[in-house]
Amino acid sequence: MKAILVFSSTYILLFVLHIVFAANDLEHLFRIVATLLAAMTFFCAPLLWLIDSSMKQSLWIGYIASIPLSIGIAYAYTNMEFQLDATLLAIIATSVTHGAWWLLMKGK
């Protein structure tokens, strides 16, 4: 539970910061935060595990959480328009990263 709270709080803080930076034309800071948000989205399960390695369900919780987040990332990167190809690409990307994490961790 600790990992979910830390991850969610960090994600929300960064999300708010990216809005503030965009509103104030702080392009470099906006891009840094947007990159961190994308990385957190596509590597949710590994980050949950890094925060709390005793969390048994970090893979499934991280993967389930990353699906709507990746759809949101696709929506943001397509200038707030729903595009099926970008959405599918984002879902595939998060599936690949979480699948790779599962393969890496299944023997441990």
N, C-alpha and C. Protein backbone atom coordinates (compact mmCIF):
# COMPACT_ATOMS: atom_id res chain seq x y z
N MET A 1 0.82 -1.20 0.00
CA MET A 1 0.00 0.00 0.00
C MET A 1 0.87 1.26 0.00
N LYS A 2 2.01 1.19 0.68
CA LYS A 2 2.92 2.33 0.75
C LYS A 2 3.39 2.72 -0.66
N ALA A 3 3.71 1.73 -1.46
CA ALA A 3 4.21 2.00 -2.81
C ALA A 3 3.16 2.72 -3.65
N ILE A 4 1.92 2.30 -3.54
CA ILE A 4 0.84 2.93 -4.31
C ILE A 4 0.66 4.38 -3.89
N LEU A 5 0.72 4.62 -2.59
CA LEU A 5 0.57 5.98 -2.07
C LEU A 5 1.72 6.88 -2.53
N VAL A 6 2.94 6.39 -2.45
CA VAL A 6 4.10 7.18 -2.87
C VAL A 6 4.04 7.45 -4.38
N PHE A 7 3.77 6.40 -5.16
CA PHE A 7 3.69 6.55 -6.61
C PHE A 7 2.59 7.54 -7.00
N SER A 8 1.40 7.36 -6.44
CA SER A 8 0.26 8.21 -6.78
C SER A 8 0.50 9.66 -6.39
N SER A 9 1.04 9.87 -5.21
CA SER A 9 1.33 11.24 -4.76
C SER A 9 2.35 11.91 -5.66
N THR A 10 3.38 11.19 -6.03
CA THR A 10 4.41 11.74 -6.91
C THR A 10 3.83 12.05 -8.28
N TYR A 11 3.02 11.14 -8.81
CA TYR A 11 2.41 11.34 -10.12
C TYR A 11 1.50 12.57 -10.11
N ILE A 12 0.69 12.70 -9.08
CA ILE A 12 -0.22 13.85 -8.98
C ILE A 12 0.57 15.15 -8.87
N LEU A 13 1.62 15.16 -8.05
CA LEU A 13 2.45 16.35 -7.91
C LEU A 13 3.06 16.74 -9.26
N LEU A 14 3.63 15.77 -9.95
CA LEU A 14 4.22 16.06 -11.26
C LEU A 14 3.17 16.52 -12.27
N PHE A 15 1.98 15.93 -12.20
CA PHE A 15 0.91 16.33 -13.12
C PHE A 15 0.53 17.79 -12.89
N VAL A 16 0.40 18.18 -11.63
CA VAL A 16 0.08 19.57 -11.31
C VAL A 16 1.22 20.48 -11.77
N LEU A 17 2.46 20.08 -11.52
CA LEU A 17 3.61 20.88 -11.95
C LEU A 17 3.64 21.05 -13.46
N HIS A 18 3.29 20.02 -14.20
CA HIS A 18 3.33 20.15 -15.66
C HIS A 18 2.29 21.15 -16.14
N ILE A 19 1.17 21.23 -15.47
CA ILE A 19 0.15 22.23 -15.81
C ILE A 19 0.66 23.63 -15.47
N VAL A 20 1.25 23.78 -14.30
CA VAL A 20 1.79 25.08 -13.89
C VAL A 20 2.89 25.54 -14.84
N PHE A 21 3.80 24.62 -15.20
CA PHE A 21 4.89 24.98 -16.09
C PHE A 21 4.38 25.33 -17.48
N ALA A 22 3.38 24.62 -17.96
CA ALA A 22 2.81 24.94 -19.28
C ALA A 22 2.12 26.30 -19.26
N ALA A 23 1.39 26.56 -18.19
CA ALA A 23 0.67 27.83 -18.09
C ALA A 23 1.61 29.03 -18.01
N ASN A 24 2.82 28.80 -17.50
CA ASN A 24 3.78 29.90 -17.34
C ASN A 24 4.88 29.88 -18.39
N ASP A 25 4.66 29.13 -19.46
CA ASP A 25 5.62 29.04 -20.57
C ASP A 25 7.03 28.66 -20.14
N LEU A 26 7.13 27.76 -19.18
CA LEU A 26 8.42 27.24 -18.73
C LEU A 26 8.67 25.93 -19.48
N GLU A 27 9.05 26.08 -20.76
CA GLU A 27 9.11 24.96 -21.68
C GLU A 27 10.05 23.84 -21.23
N HIS A 28 11.24 24.20 -20.78
CA HIS A 28 12.21 23.16 -20.38
C HIS A 28 11.73 22.37 -19.17
N LEU A 29 11.20 23.08 -18.19
CA LEU A 29 10.68 22.39 -17.00
C LEU A 29 9.47 21.53 -17.36
N PHE A 30 8.62 22.07 -18.25
CA PHE A 30 7.46 21.30 -18.71
C PHE A 30 7.90 20.00 -19.37
N ARG A 31 8.90 20.06 -20.24
CA ARG A 31 9.36 18.87 -20.95
C ARG A 31 9.99 17.84 -20.00
N ILE A 32 10.72 18.32 -19.01
CA ILE A 32 11.31 17.41 -18.02
C ILE A 32 10.22 16.68 -17.26
N VAL A 33 9.23 17.43 -16.80
CA VAL A 33 8.14 16.82 -16.03
C VAL A 33 7.31 15.90 -16.92
N ALA A 34 7.05 16.30 -18.15
CA ALA A 34 6.29 15.44 -19.07
C ALA A 34 7.03 14.13 -19.33
N THR A 35 8.34 14.20 -19.46
CA THR A 35 9.14 12.99 -19.64
C THR A 35 9.07 12.09 -18.42
N LEU A 36 9.15 12.69 -17.24
CA LEU A 36 9.03 11.90 -16.00
C LEU A 36 7.66 11.24 -15.89
N LEU A 37 6.61 11.97 -16.26
CA LEU A 37 5.27 11.39 -16.23
C LEU A 37 5.14 10.22 -17.20
N ALA A 38 5.70 10.37 -18.39
CA ALA A 38 5.65 9.27 -19.37
C ALA A 38 6.42 8.07 -18.84
N ALA A 39 7.59 8.30 -18.28
CA ALA A 39 8.39 7.20 -17.73
C ALA A 39 7.65 6.52 -16.58
N MET A 40 7.04 7.30 -15.72
CA MET A 40 6.28 6.71 -14.61
C MET A 40 5.10 5.89 -15.13
N THR A 41 4.50 6.34 -16.22
CA THR A 41 3.37 5.62 -16.79
C THR A 41 3.81 4.27 -17.35
N PHE A 42 4.86 4.28 -18.16
CA PHE A 42 5.26 3.06 -18.84
C PHE A 42 6.07 2.11 -17.96
N PHE A 43 6.55 2.58 -16.83
CA PHE A 43 7.31 1.73 -15.91
C PHE A 43 6.69 1.72 -14.52
N CYS A 44 5.38 1.71 -14.47
CA CYS A 44 4.66 1.76 -13.21
C CYS A 44 5.00 0.58 -12.30
N ALA A 45 4.92 -0.63 -12.81
CA ALA A 45 5.19 -1.82 -11.98
C ALA A 45 6.62 -1.85 -11.45
N PRO A 46 7.64 -1.61 -12.29
CA PRO A 46 8.99 -1.59 -11.73
C PRO A 46 9.18 -0.51 -10.67
N LEU A 47 8.54 0.63 -10.86
CA LEU A 47 8.66 1.69 -9.87
C LEU A 47 7.98 1.30 -8.56
N LEU A 48 6.81 0.68 -8.66
CA LEU A 48 6.15 0.20 -7.44
C LEU A 48 7.04 -0.80 -6.71
N TRP A 49 7.67 -1.69 -7.47
CA TRP A 49 8.55 -2.68 -6.87
C TRP A 49 9.78 -2.01 -6.23
N LEU A 50 10.33 -0.99 -6.89
CA LEU A 50 11.47 -0.27 -6.33
C LEU A 50 11.12 0.44 -5.03
N ILE A 51 9.91 0.96 -4.96
CA ILE A 51 9.46 1.64 -3.75
C ILE A 51 9.27 0.64 -2.62
N ASP A 52 8.67 -0.52 -2.94
CA ASP A 52 8.41 -1.55 -1.92
C ASP A 52 8.54 -2.92 -2.56
N SER A 53 9.73 -3.51 -2.45
CA SER A 53 9.99 -4.80 -3.11
C SER A 53 9.23 -5.95 -2.48
N SER A 54 8.62 -5.74 -1.33
CA SER A 54 7.83 -6.82 -0.72
C SER A 54 6.39 -6.83 -1.23
N MET A 55 6.05 -5.87 -2.06
CA MET A 55 4.69 -5.78 -2.61
C MET A 55 4.50 -6.91 -3.63
N LYS A 56 3.72 -7.91 -3.26
CA LYS A 56 3.57 -9.13 -4.07
C LYS A 56 2.85 -8.90 -5.40
N GLN A 57 1.91 -8.01 -5.41
CA GLN A 57 1.10 -7.79 -6.61
C GLN A 57 1.53 -6.56 -7.40
N SER A 58 2.77 -6.12 -7.26
CA SER A 58 3.20 -4.88 -7.91
C SER A 58 3.08 -4.96 -9.43
N LEU A 59 3.32 -6.12 -10.01
CA LEU A 59 3.23 -6.24 -11.47
C LEU A 59 1.80 -5.99 -11.95
N TRP A 60 0.85 -6.68 -11.36
CA TRP A 60 -0.53 -6.54 -11.83
C TRP A 60 -1.12 -5.18 -11.50
N ILE A 61 -0.85 -4.71 -10.30
CA ILE A 61 -1.36 -3.38 -9.92
C ILE A 61 -0.73 -2.32 -10.82
N GLY A 62 0.57 -2.42 -11.04
CA GLY A 62 1.25 -1.45 -11.89
C GLY A 62 0.75 -1.49 -13.32
N TYR A 63 0.55 -2.69 -13.84
CA TYR A 63 0.06 -2.81 -15.22
C TYR A 63 -1.36 -2.26 -15.36
N ILE A 64 -2.22 -2.63 -14.44
CA ILE A 64 -3.61 -2.14 -14.49
C ILE A 64 -3.64 -0.62 -14.36
N ALA A 65 -2.83 -0.07 -13.47
CA ALA A 65 -2.78 1.39 -13.30
C ALA A 65 -2.21 2.07 -14.54
N SER A 66 -1.27 1.43 -15.21
CA SER A 66 -0.61 2.06 -16.34
C SER A 66 -1.48 2.13 -17.59
N ILE A 67 -2.48 1.29 -17.70
CA ILE A 67 -3.34 1.30 -18.90
C ILE A 67 -4.07 2.64 -19.05
N PRO A 68 -4.86 3.09 -18.06
CA PRO A 68 -5.51 4.39 -18.25
C PRO A 68 -4.51 5.55 -18.30
N LEU A 69 -3.41 5.43 -17.57
CA LEU A 69 -2.39 6.47 -17.63
C LEU A 69 -1.78 6.55 -19.03
N SER A 70 -1.55 5.41 -19.66
CA SER A 70 -0.97 5.41 -21.01
C SER A 70 -1.97 5.97 -22.03
N ILE A 71 -3.24 5.71 -21.83
CA ILE A 71 -4.26 6.30 -22.70
C ILE A 71 -4.24 7.83 -22.55
N GLY A 72 -4.08 8.29 -21.31
CA GLY A 72 -3.97 9.73 -21.06
C GLY A 72 -2.73 10.33 -21.69
N ILE A 73 -1.61 9.61 -21.64
CA ILE A 73 -0.38 10.09 -22.28
C ILE A 73 -0.59 10.20 -23.79
N ALA A 74 -1.23 9.19 -24.40
CA ALA A 74 -1.50 9.24 -25.84
C ALA A 74 -2.39 10.43 -26.18
N TYR A 75 -3.40 10.66 -25.36
CA TYR A 75 -4.31 11.79 -25.57
C TYR A 75 -3.55 13.12 -25.49
N ALA A 76 -2.65 13.23 -24.53
CA ALA A 76 -1.87 14.46 -24.36
C ALA A 76 -0.92 14.69 -25.53
N TYR A 77 -0.28 13.62 -26.00
CA TYR A 77 0.70 13.75 -27.09
C TYR A 77 0.04 13.94 -28.45
N THR A 78 -1.26 13.77 -28.53
CA THR A 78 -1.97 14.03 -29.79
C THR A 78 -2.79 15.32 -29.70
N ASN A 79 -2.31 16.25 -28.88
CA ASN A 79 -2.95 17.57 -28.73
C ASN A 79 -4.41 17.48 -28.30
N MET A 80 -4.64 16.65 -27.33
CA MET A 80 -5.97 16.48 -26.71
C MET A 80 -7.03 16.02 -27.71
N GLU A 81 -6.61 15.12 -28.59
CA GLU A 81 -7.53 14.48 -29.52
C GLU A 81 -7.38 12.98 -29.37
N PHE A 82 -8.48 12.28 -29.36
CA PHE A 82 -8.39 10.83 -29.29
C PHE A 82 -8.03 10.28 -30.65
N GLN A 83 -6.89 9.59 -30.72
CA GLN A 83 -6.46 8.94 -31.95
C GLN A 83 -6.19 7.48 -31.62
N LEU A 84 -6.89 6.62 -32.31
CA LEU A 84 -6.81 5.19 -32.02
C LEU A 84 -5.39 4.66 -32.17
N ASP A 85 -4.67 5.06 -33.20
CA ASP A 85 -3.32 4.53 -33.41
C ASP A 85 -2.37 4.94 -32.27
N ALA A 86 -2.44 6.16 -31.82
CA ALA A 86 -1.60 6.61 -30.70
C ALA A 86 -1.99 5.90 -29.41
N THR A 87 -3.28 5.71 -29.21
CA THR A 87 -3.76 5.01 -28.02
C THR A 87 -3.29 3.57 -28.01
N LEU A 88 -3.42 2.89 -29.14
CA LEU A 88 -2.96 1.50 -29.22
C LEU A 88 -1.45 1.41 -29.05
N LEU A 89 -0.72 2.35 -29.61
CA LEU A 89 0.74 2.36 -29.45
C LEU A 89 1.12 2.53 -27.98
N ALA A 90 0.44 3.41 -27.28
CA ALA A 90 0.72 3.62 -25.86
C ALA A 90 0.39 2.37 -25.04
N ILE A 91 -0.72 1.72 -25.35
CA ILE A 91 -1.09 0.50 -24.63
C ILE A 91 -0.09 -0.61 -24.93
N ILE A 92 0.33 -0.71 -26.18
CA ILE A 92 1.34 -1.71 -26.54
C ILE A 92 2.65 -1.42 -25.82
N ALA A 93 3.05 -0.15 -25.77
CA ALA A 93 4.31 0.21 -25.10
C ALA A 93 4.27 -0.16 -23.62
N THR A 94 3.17 0.14 -22.95
CA THR A 94 3.10 -0.21 -21.53
C THR A 94 3.00 -1.72 -21.34
N SER A 95 2.37 -2.41 -22.28
CA SER A 95 2.30 -3.87 -22.21
C SER A 95 3.69 -4.49 -22.39
N VAL A 96 4.46 -3.94 -23.31
CA VAL A 96 5.81 -4.45 -23.55
C VAL A 96 6.70 -4.22 -22.33
N THR A 97 6.68 -3.02 -21.78
CA THR A 97 7.54 -2.75 -20.62
C THR A 97 7.14 -3.60 -19.43
N HIS A 98 5.85 -3.77 -19.22
CA HIS A 98 5.42 -4.58 -18.08
C HIS A 98 5.64 -6.07 -18.35
N GLY A 99 5.51 -6.48 -19.60
CA GLY A 99 5.82 -7.86 -19.96
C GLY A 99 7.30 -8.17 -19.77
N ALA A 100 8.15 -7.23 -20.17
CA ALA A 100 9.59 -7.41 -19.97
C ALA A 100 9.92 -7.47 -18.48
N TRP A 101 9.26 -6.64 -17.70
CA TRP A 101 9.47 -6.67 -16.24
C TRP A 101 9.04 -8.02 -15.67
N TRP A 102 7.91 -8.55 -16.16
CA TRP A 102 7.45 -9.85 -15.69
C TRP A 102 8.48 -10.93 -16.02
N LEU A 103 9.00 -10.90 -17.25
CA LEU A 103 10.02 -11.90 -17.64
C LEU A 103 11.27 -11.77 -16.77
N LEU A 104 11.67 -10.55 -16.49
CA LEU A 104 12.84 -10.32 -15.66
C LEU A 104 12.64 -10.81 -14.24
N MET A 105 11.46 -10.63 -13.71
CA MET A 105 11.22 -10.90 -12.30
C MET A 105 10.62 -12.29 -12.03
N LYS A 106 10.19 -13.02 -13.04
CA LYS A 106 9.50 -14.27 -12.78
C LYS A 106 10.38 -15.32 -12.12
N GLY A 107 11.66 -15.25 -12.33
CA GLY A 107 12.55 -16.21 -11.69
C GLY A 107 13.00 -15.80 -10.30
N LYS A 108 12.58 -14.64 -9.85
CA LYS A 108 13.04 -14.15 -8.55
C LYS A 108 12.01 -14.29 -7.49
